[in-house]
Amino acid sequence: MFLPVTLQLLQGFGETLKVFVLTLVFSIPLGLVVCFGSMCRFKPLQWLTRCFIWIIRGTPLMLQLIIVFYGPGLIFELPAMPRLTATLLAFSINYACYFSEIYRGGIEAIPQGQYEAGQVLGMTRSQIFFKVVLLQVIKRILPSMSNEIITLVKDTALARMIGIYEVIWAGEAFIKKGLIWPLFYTGVFYLLFNGVLTVLLGKLEKKLNYFRG
């Protein structure tokens, strides 16, 4: 019985992994865009961006997921969005807003003198950011980003709210057969995956140790 259960949980974990990877692919760069909006000198754009971040961070991801999936059809009578698309849209927007605040904290922590030194050397603002500031920002924000990434692994379970067959749903299906242990077994998948991520992110942090201060 152990092997069939494992194979079914692996199928569910495949969907969990898909949601996790694609959310990071979309939310990490989107978070930088949102961050630039929140730091923009054009006050109306800055205010709108920070208001949007406040709304997203202040409401549950589960609620956002339900609104993204059901909202367009109920409000505008549009065709139903594919479940995976709705999941990725809600997750990416949610995590982009959290990442944007982490980015903003990292950017603002860089001494102003480094920007001024780049300007003295004739570098443009974009050159200063990408060639001087960015790697230092990554070093500073990596612990906070790592924490959000680990949280994302667990948040993927919310995808079952709109019918994504992720690993917990796969484990819960065995309850109807009178088995509870497969549900606890799903925890092993999360623990192992988070363990691998913790090791990889720890190694990345060590590689960036040459940026200090």
Protein backbone atom coordinates (compact mmCIF):
# COMPACT_ATOMS: atom_id res chain seq x y z
CA MET A 1 0.00 0.00 0.00
CA PHE A 2 2.94 2.30 0.68
CA LEU A 3 4.09 2.44 -2.96
CA PRO A 4 0.66 3.31 -4.47
CA VAL A 5 0.19 6.02 -1.84
CA THR A 6 3.64 7.45 -2.56
CA LEU A 7 3.00 7.52 -6.30
CA GLN A 8 -0.31 9.33 -5.84
CA LEU A 9 1.24 11.84 -3.46
CA LEU A 10 4.07 12.41 -5.94
CA GLN A 11 1.45 13.27 -8.55
CA GLY A 12 -0.06 15.85 -6.21
CA PHE A 13 3.39 17.13 -5.27
CA GLY A 14 4.10 17.68 -8.96
CA GLU A 15 1.27 20.25 -9.04
CA THR A 16 2.54 21.77 -5.79
CA LEU A 17 6.01 22.12 -7.31
CA LYS A 18 4.59 23.65 -10.49
CA VAL A 19 2.69 26.32 -8.54
CA PHE A 20 5.78 27.04 -6.40
CA VAL A 21 8.26 27.40 -9.27
CA LEU A 22 6.01 29.43 -11.58
CA THR A 23 4.98 31.74 -8.74
CA LEU A 24 8.63 32.55 -8.06
CA VAL A 25 9.37 33.02 -11.77
CA PHE A 26 6.61 35.64 -12.05
CA SER A 27 6.62 37.25 -8.60
CA ILE A 28 10.35 37.94 -8.16
CA PRO A 29 10.68 40.31 -11.18
CA LEU A 30 7.15 41.66 -10.67
CA GLY A 31 8.06 42.52 -7.10
CA LEU A 32 10.92 44.69 -8.37
CA VAL A 33 8.51 46.55 -10.67
CA VAL A 34 6.10 47.11 -7.78
CA CYS A 35 9.01 48.25 -5.62
CA PHE A 36 10.02 50.89 -8.19
CA GLY A 37 6.41 52.07 -8.25
CA SER A 38 6.32 52.45 -4.47
CA MET A 39 9.59 54.42 -4.55
CA CYS A 40 8.65 56.53 -7.57
CA ARG A 41 9.06 60.29 -7.21
CA PHE A 42 5.73 60.77 -9.00
CA LYS A 43 3.54 60.95 -5.90
CA PRO A 44 0.22 59.75 -7.40
CA LEU A 45 1.88 56.56 -8.71
CA GLN A 46 3.71 56.07 -5.41
CA TRP A 47 0.47 56.49 -3.45
CA LEU A 48 -1.49 54.10 -5.70
CA THR A 49 1.24 51.47 -5.55
CA ARG A 50 1.57 51.63 -1.78
CA CYS A 51 -2.22 51.51 -1.40
CA PHE A 52 -2.31 48.40 -3.60
CA ILE A 53 0.46 46.78 -1.53
CA TRP A 54 -1.43 47.60 1.66
CA ILE A 55 -4.59 45.94 0.33
CA ILE A 56 -2.81 42.80 -0.85
CA ARG A 57 -0.74 42.40 2.32
CA GLY A 58 -3.74 43.19 4.52
CA THR A 59 -6.11 40.55 3.11
CA PRO A 60 -5.80 36.74 3.11
CA LEU A 61 -4.27 35.01 0.11
CA MET A 62 -7.21 32.59 0.20
CA LEU A 63 -9.64 35.46 -0.34
CA GLN A 64 -7.56 36.86 -3.19
CA LEU A 65 -7.45 33.44 -4.83
CA ILE A 66 -11.23 33.07 -4.68
CA ILE A 67 -11.79 36.60 -6.04
CA VAL A 68 -9.37 36.11 -8.94
CA PHE A 69 -10.97 32.79 -9.93
CA TYR A 70 -14.66 33.59 -9.45
CA GLY A 71 -14.69 37.40 -9.70
CA PRO A 72 -14.40 37.93 -13.48
CA GLY A 73 -17.23 35.51 -14.19
CA LEU A 74 -19.57 36.82 -11.50
CA ILE A 75 -18.87 40.53 -11.97
CA PHE A 76 -18.20 40.84 -15.71
CA GLU A 77 -19.75 37.56 -16.93
CA LEU A 78 -16.46 36.55 -18.52
CA PRO A 79 -15.52 32.93 -19.30
CA ALA A 80 -14.01 31.02 -16.40
CA MET A 81 -10.26 31.44 -16.07
CA PRO A 82 -8.20 28.21 -16.09
CA ARG A 83 -7.61 27.09 -12.50
CA LEU A 84 -3.82 27.05 -12.76
CA THR A 85 -3.79 30.49 -14.40
CA ALA A 86 -5.97 31.95 -11.64
CA THR A 87 -3.76 30.34 -9.00
CA LEU A 88 -0.57 31.73 -10.49
CA LEU A 89 -2.10 35.18 -10.95
CA ALA A 90 -3.26 35.41 -7.34
CA PHE A 91 -0.07 33.92 -5.90
CA SER A 92 2.24 36.02 -8.07
CA ILE A 93 0.52 39.30 -7.21
CA ASN A 94 0.44 38.45 -3.52
CA TYR A 95 4.10 37.48 -3.27
CA ALA A 96 5.22 40.31 -5.56
CA CYS A 97 3.81 42.78 -3.02
CA TYR A 98 5.66 41.10 -0.15
CA PHE A 99 8.86 40.90 -2.18
CA SER A 100 8.53 44.56 -3.17
CA GLU A 101 8.66 45.66 0.46
CA ILE A 102 11.70 43.47 1.06
CA TYR A 103 13.37 44.99 -2.01
CA ARG A 104 12.52 48.50 -0.84
CA GLY A 105 14.07 47.88 2.56
CA GLY A 106 17.23 46.50 0.96
CA ILE A 107 17.57 49.38 -1.50
CA GLU A 108 17.02 52.03 1.14
CA ALA A 109 19.66 50.38 3.34
CA ILE A 110 22.41 51.04 0.78
CA PRO A 111 24.43 54.14 1.79
CA GLN A 112 23.67 57.19 -0.34
CA GLY A 113 27.41 57.71 -0.82
CA GLN A 114 27.56 54.74 -3.19
CA TYR A 115 25.04 56.36 -5.51
CA GLU A 116 26.97 59.62 -5.37
CA ALA A 117 30.27 57.85 -6.09
CA GLY A 118 28.72 56.21 -9.17
CA GLN A 119 27.48 59.57 -10.41
CA VAL A 120 30.96 61.06 -9.97
CA LEU A 121 32.33 58.24 -12.15
CA GLY A 122 29.84 59.17 -14.87
CA MET A 123 27.54 56.18 -14.45
CA THR A 124 23.83 56.44 -15.22
CA ARG A 125 21.20 55.68 -12.56
CA SER A 126 20.47 52.28 -14.13
CA GLN A 127 24.20 51.41 -14.29
CA ILE A 128 24.63 52.35 -10.65
CA PHE A 129 21.68 50.20 -9.64
CA PHE A 130 22.51 47.07 -11.64
CA LYS A 131 26.33 47.19 -11.39
CA VAL A 132 26.87 48.61 -7.91
CA VAL A 133 23.74 48.33 -5.79
CA LEU A 134 21.87 45.20 -6.89
CA LEU A 135 24.23 42.49 -5.59
CA GLN A 136 24.53 44.27 -2.26
CA VAL A 137 20.74 44.44 -2.06
CA ILE A 138 20.49 40.70 -2.78
CA LYS A 139 22.91 40.00 0.07
CA ARG A 140 20.90 42.11 2.50
CA ILE A 141 17.46 40.79 1.56
CA LEU A 142 18.31 37.11 1.11
CA PRO A 143 17.34 36.01 4.67
CA SER A 144 13.95 37.74 4.37
CA MET A 145 13.42 36.40 0.86
CA SER A 146 14.29 32.91 2.06
CA ASN A 147 11.62 33.15 4.73
CA GLU A 148 8.98 34.17 2.17
CA ILE A 149 10.05 31.38 -0.18
CA ILE A 150 9.64 28.79 2.59
CA THR A 151 6.22 30.27 3.36
CA LEU A 152 5.27 29.94 -0.31
CA VAL A 153 5.94 26.19 -0.18
CA LYS A 154 3.25 25.85 2.50
CA ASP A 155 0.88 28.38 0.91
CA THR A 156 0.66 26.24 -2.24
CA ALA A 157 -1.81 24.10 -0.28
CA LEU A 158 -4.35 26.92 -0.69
CA ALA A 159 -4.55 26.11 -4.40
CA ARG A 160 -6.93 23.26 -3.55
CA MET A 161 -9.56 25.94 -2.79
CA ILE A 162 -10.21 26.27 -6.52
CA GLY A 163 -9.63 22.66 -7.50
CA ILE A 164 -5.87 22.30 -7.99
CA TYR A 165 -4.92 18.71 -7.14
CA GLU A 166 -1.95 19.41 -4.88
CA VAL A 167 -0.25 17.07 -2.44
CA ILE A 168 -2.53 17.58 0.60
CA TRP A 169 -5.62 16.94 -1.51
CA ALA A 170 -3.93 13.76 -2.75
CA GLY A 171 -3.31 12.69 0.84
CA GLU A 172 -6.77 13.64 2.05
CA ALA A 173 -8.36 11.48 -0.68
CA PHE A 174 -7.26 8.36 1.25
CA ILE A 175 -9.41 9.29 4.23
CA LYS A 176 -12.42 8.01 2.27
CA LYS A 177 -10.64 4.65 2.14
CA GLY A 178 -10.22 4.63 5.92
CA LEU A 179 -6.55 5.66 5.90
CA ILE A 180 -5.28 8.69 7.80
CA TRP A 181 -1.53 8.10 7.62
CA PRO A 182 -1.18 9.29 3.97
CA LEU A 183 -2.35 12.73 5.11
CA PHE A 184 0.46 12.85 7.68
CA TYR A 185 2.80 11.47 5.02
CA THR A 186 2.27 14.66 2.99
CA GLY A 187 4.15 16.49 5.74
CA VAL A 188 7.27 14.52 4.81
CA PHE A 189 7.13 15.98 1.30
CA TYR A 190 6.97 19.52 2.69
CA LEU A 191 9.74 18.89 5.22
CA LEU A 192 12.10 17.39 2.64
CA PHE A 193 11.42 20.13 0.10
CA ASN A 194 11.87 22.88 2.66
CA GLY A 195 15.04 21.17 3.87
CA VAL A 196 16.53 21.21 0.36
CA LEU A 197 15.55 24.86 -0.11
CA THR A 198 17.05 25.82 3.26
CA VAL A 199 20.38 24.21 2.32
CA LEU A 200 20.46 25.80 -1.14
CA LEU A 201 19.53 29.26 0.13
CA GLY A 202 22.08 28.94 2.93
CA LYS A 203 24.82 28.15 0.40
CA LEU A 204 23.76 31.13 -1.72
CA GLU A 205 23.96 33.38 1.33
CA LYS A 206 27.50 32.17 2.07
CA LYS A 207 28.56 32.88 -1.51
CA LEU A 208 27.46 36.47 -1.09
CA ASN A 209 29.40 36.95 2.14
CA TYR A 210 31.96 39.14 0.37
CA PHE A 211 29.39 41.92 0.56
CA ARG A 212 29.51 43.14 4.16
CA GLY A 213 28.36 46.12 6.07
